[in-house]
Amino acid sequence: MKGISPLVASVLLIAITMSVAGILAFWVSSFTSQTLPKMNRTEECRFSNFEIVTCSIDRSTGNLSFILHNVGQYEILDLTAYVFTTDNTVSPMVKLNSSLSIGEYKSFSLSNSSTNVPAEKFSKLVIATSCPDLSKEYYCTGR
């Protein structure tokens, strides 16, 4: 019984090597395209920060006004407000439908009807973001 010629063996070896290299290249490119965006978002969250500059509640109307300032290195997305009462219950989440650009100051006003918290029961404001570990709380003053 005869074996295959050295020329055919070389062509087969090159074809198998190129097939394996193509499969590996496809896997690596799909793996990195799925993993890198998550890593970039994690980095954005790590270097994002904001502060609640001021917050006040109008005791007569129950309206809440506050100013946020982005002091981080990235835009802050998906701002959400929670209002806590003196008995530590929390209002339904209020989406602010806004983001904060780098260095931006932005003022917000929430009506009593959006928070469902009577002015006399108001305790504190908590602002959450799209970053899981980035939120701030503030004890607002009455006027």
Protein backbone atom coordinates (compact mmCIF):
# COMPACT_ATOMS: atom_id res chain seq x y z
CA MET A 1 0.00 0.00 0.00
CA LYS A 2 1.33 3.35 -0.97
CA GLY A 3 1.12 6.59 1.10
CA ILE A 4 0.09 9.99 -0.17
CA SER A 5 2.62 12.04 -2.04
CA PRO A 6 4.60 14.68 -0.13
CA LEU A 7 3.01 17.42 -2.24
CA VAL A 8 -0.57 16.38 -1.33
CA ALA A 9 0.44 15.98 2.33
CA SER A 10 1.89 19.51 2.37
CA VAL A 11 -1.25 20.99 0.78
CA LEU A 12 -3.49 19.16 3.29
CA LEU A 13 -1.34 20.30 6.23
CA ILE A 14 -1.49 23.93 5.08
CA ALA A 15 -5.29 23.71 4.51
CA ILE A 16 -5.92 22.25 7.98
CA THR A 17 -3.66 24.87 9.62
CA MET A 18 -5.42 27.73 7.82
CA SER A 19 -8.86 26.34 8.80
CA VAL A 20 -7.89 26.16 12.48
CA ALA A 21 -6.41 29.69 12.30
CA GLY A 22 -9.64 31.00 10.73
CA ILE A 23 -11.80 29.40 13.41
CA LEU A 24 -9.59 30.84 16.18
CA ALA A 25 -9.60 34.29 14.58
CA PHE A 26 -13.40 34.27 14.38
CA TRP A 27 -13.72 33.18 18.03
CA VAL A 28 -11.25 35.80 19.28
CA SER A 29 -12.91 38.62 17.35
CA SER A 30 -16.41 37.73 18.63
CA PHE A 31 -15.11 37.30 22.19
CA THR A 32 -13.39 40.69 22.26
CA SER A 33 -16.32 42.50 20.62
CA GLN A 34 -18.61 41.23 23.39
CA THR A 35 -16.18 41.73 26.30
CA LEU A 36 -14.56 45.11 25.52
CA PRO A 37 -17.75 47.24 25.62
CA LYS A 38 -18.49 45.89 29.11
CA MET A 39 -14.96 46.70 30.22
CA ASN A 40 -15.20 50.24 28.78
CA ARG A 41 -18.50 50.86 30.63
CA THR A 42 -16.86 49.62 33.85
CA GLU A 43 -14.01 52.08 33.34
CA GLU A 44 -16.49 54.88 32.66
CA CYS A 45 -18.32 54.07 35.88
CA ARG A 46 -15.09 53.99 37.86
CA PHE A 47 -14.15 57.52 36.74
CA SER A 48 -17.68 59.00 36.86
CA ASN A 49 -18.77 61.14 39.78
CA PHE A 50 -21.30 63.84 40.56
CA GLU A 51 -22.45 65.88 43.50
CA ILE A 52 -25.75 67.27 44.65
CA VAL A 53 -24.90 70.97 44.95
CA THR A 54 -28.10 72.09 46.59
CA CYS A 55 -31.51 70.70 47.40
CA SER A 56 -34.58 72.33 48.89
CA ILE A 57 -38.20 71.43 49.40
CA ASP A 58 -40.98 73.96 49.31
CA ARG A 59 -42.98 73.06 52.42
CA SER A 60 -46.12 74.77 51.11
CA THR A 61 -46.31 72.97 47.73
CA GLY A 62 -44.16 69.88 48.38
CA ASN A 63 -42.10 70.58 45.26
CA LEU A 64 -38.47 69.50 45.39
CA SER A 65 -35.68 71.43 43.62
CA PHE A 66 -32.05 70.36 43.35
CA ILE A 67 -28.90 71.02 41.32
CA LEU A 68 -26.48 68.31 40.19
CA HIS A 69 -22.87 68.83 39.08
CA ASN A 70 -20.82 66.28 37.11
CA VAL A 71 -17.34 66.30 38.66
CA GLY A 72 -16.17 63.09 36.94
CA GLN A 73 -14.40 62.32 33.70
CA TYR A 74 -17.37 60.84 31.80
CA GLU A 75 -20.97 61.73 30.98
CA ILE A 76 -23.42 60.37 33.55
CA LEU A 77 -26.47 58.57 32.11
CA ASP A 78 -29.93 57.52 33.27
CA LEU A 79 -30.41 59.75 36.29
CA THR A 80 -33.12 58.51 38.64
CA ALA A 81 -34.48 60.10 41.82
CA TYR A 82 -35.81 58.43 44.94
CA VAL A 83 -37.39 60.38 47.79
CA PHE A 84 -37.33 58.97 51.32
CA THR A 85 -39.79 59.84 54.05
CA THR A 86 -39.18 60.35 57.76
CA ASP A 87 -40.38 56.78 58.43
CA ASN A 88 -37.78 55.55 55.87
CA THR A 89 -40.19 54.48 53.13
CA VAL A 90 -39.18 55.30 49.59
CA SER A 91 -41.19 56.92 46.84
CA PRO A 92 -41.59 55.25 43.47
CA MET A 93 -38.60 55.79 41.22
CA VAL A 94 -38.71 59.07 39.26
CA LYS A 95 -36.76 58.93 35.98
CA LEU A 96 -35.22 62.33 35.33
CA ASN A 97 -34.88 61.59 31.56
CA SER A 98 -31.59 63.38 31.50
CA SER A 99 -27.84 62.94 31.54
CA LEU A 100 -25.02 65.11 32.89
CA SER A 101 -22.16 66.07 30.58
CA ILE A 102 -18.66 66.48 31.97
CA GLY A 103 -18.52 69.58 34.19
CA GLU A 104 -22.20 70.39 33.65
CA TYR A 105 -24.49 71.84 36.31
CA LYS A 106 -28.16 71.00 35.83
CA SER A 107 -31.19 71.92 37.90
CA PHE A 108 -34.21 69.69 38.40
CA SER A 109 -37.61 70.15 39.95
CA LEU A 110 -39.93 67.38 41.08
CA SER A 111 -43.54 68.07 41.84
CA ASN A 112 -45.27 66.61 44.85
CA SER A 113 -47.45 64.53 42.51
CA SER A 114 -44.41 62.81 40.95
CA THR A 115 -42.85 61.82 44.29
CA ASN A 116 -46.07 61.05 46.22
CA VAL A 117 -44.35 62.28 49.39
CA PRO A 118 -46.02 64.99 51.49
CA ALA A 119 -43.70 67.88 52.28
CA GLU A 120 -43.93 67.34 56.04
CA LYS A 121 -42.81 63.69 55.65
CA PHE A 122 -39.85 64.42 53.35
CA SER A 123 -36.49 63.15 54.68
CA LYS A 124 -33.85 62.81 51.96
CA LEU A 125 -33.20 62.66 48.23
CA VAL A 126 -31.21 59.84 46.58
CA ILE A 127 -29.99 60.14 42.99
CA ALA A 128 -28.98 56.92 41.22
CA THR A 129 -27.29 56.49 37.82
CA SER A 130 -26.70 53.78 35.24
CA CYS A 131 -23.52 52.89 37.14
CA PRO A 132 -24.43 50.42 39.89
CA ASP A 133 -22.08 51.91 42.50
CA LEU A 134 -22.70 55.57 41.71
CA SER A 135 -25.46 57.21 43.71
CA LYS A 136 -25.65 60.14 46.13
CA GLU A 137 -27.97 61.08 48.94
CA TYR A 138 -28.73 64.51 50.31
CA TYR A 139 -30.80 65.81 53.21
CA CYS A 140 -32.62 68.76 51.69
CA THR A 141 -33.59 71.94 53.49
CA GLY A 142 -37.12 73.27 53.68
CA ARG A 143 -38.21 76.76 52.76
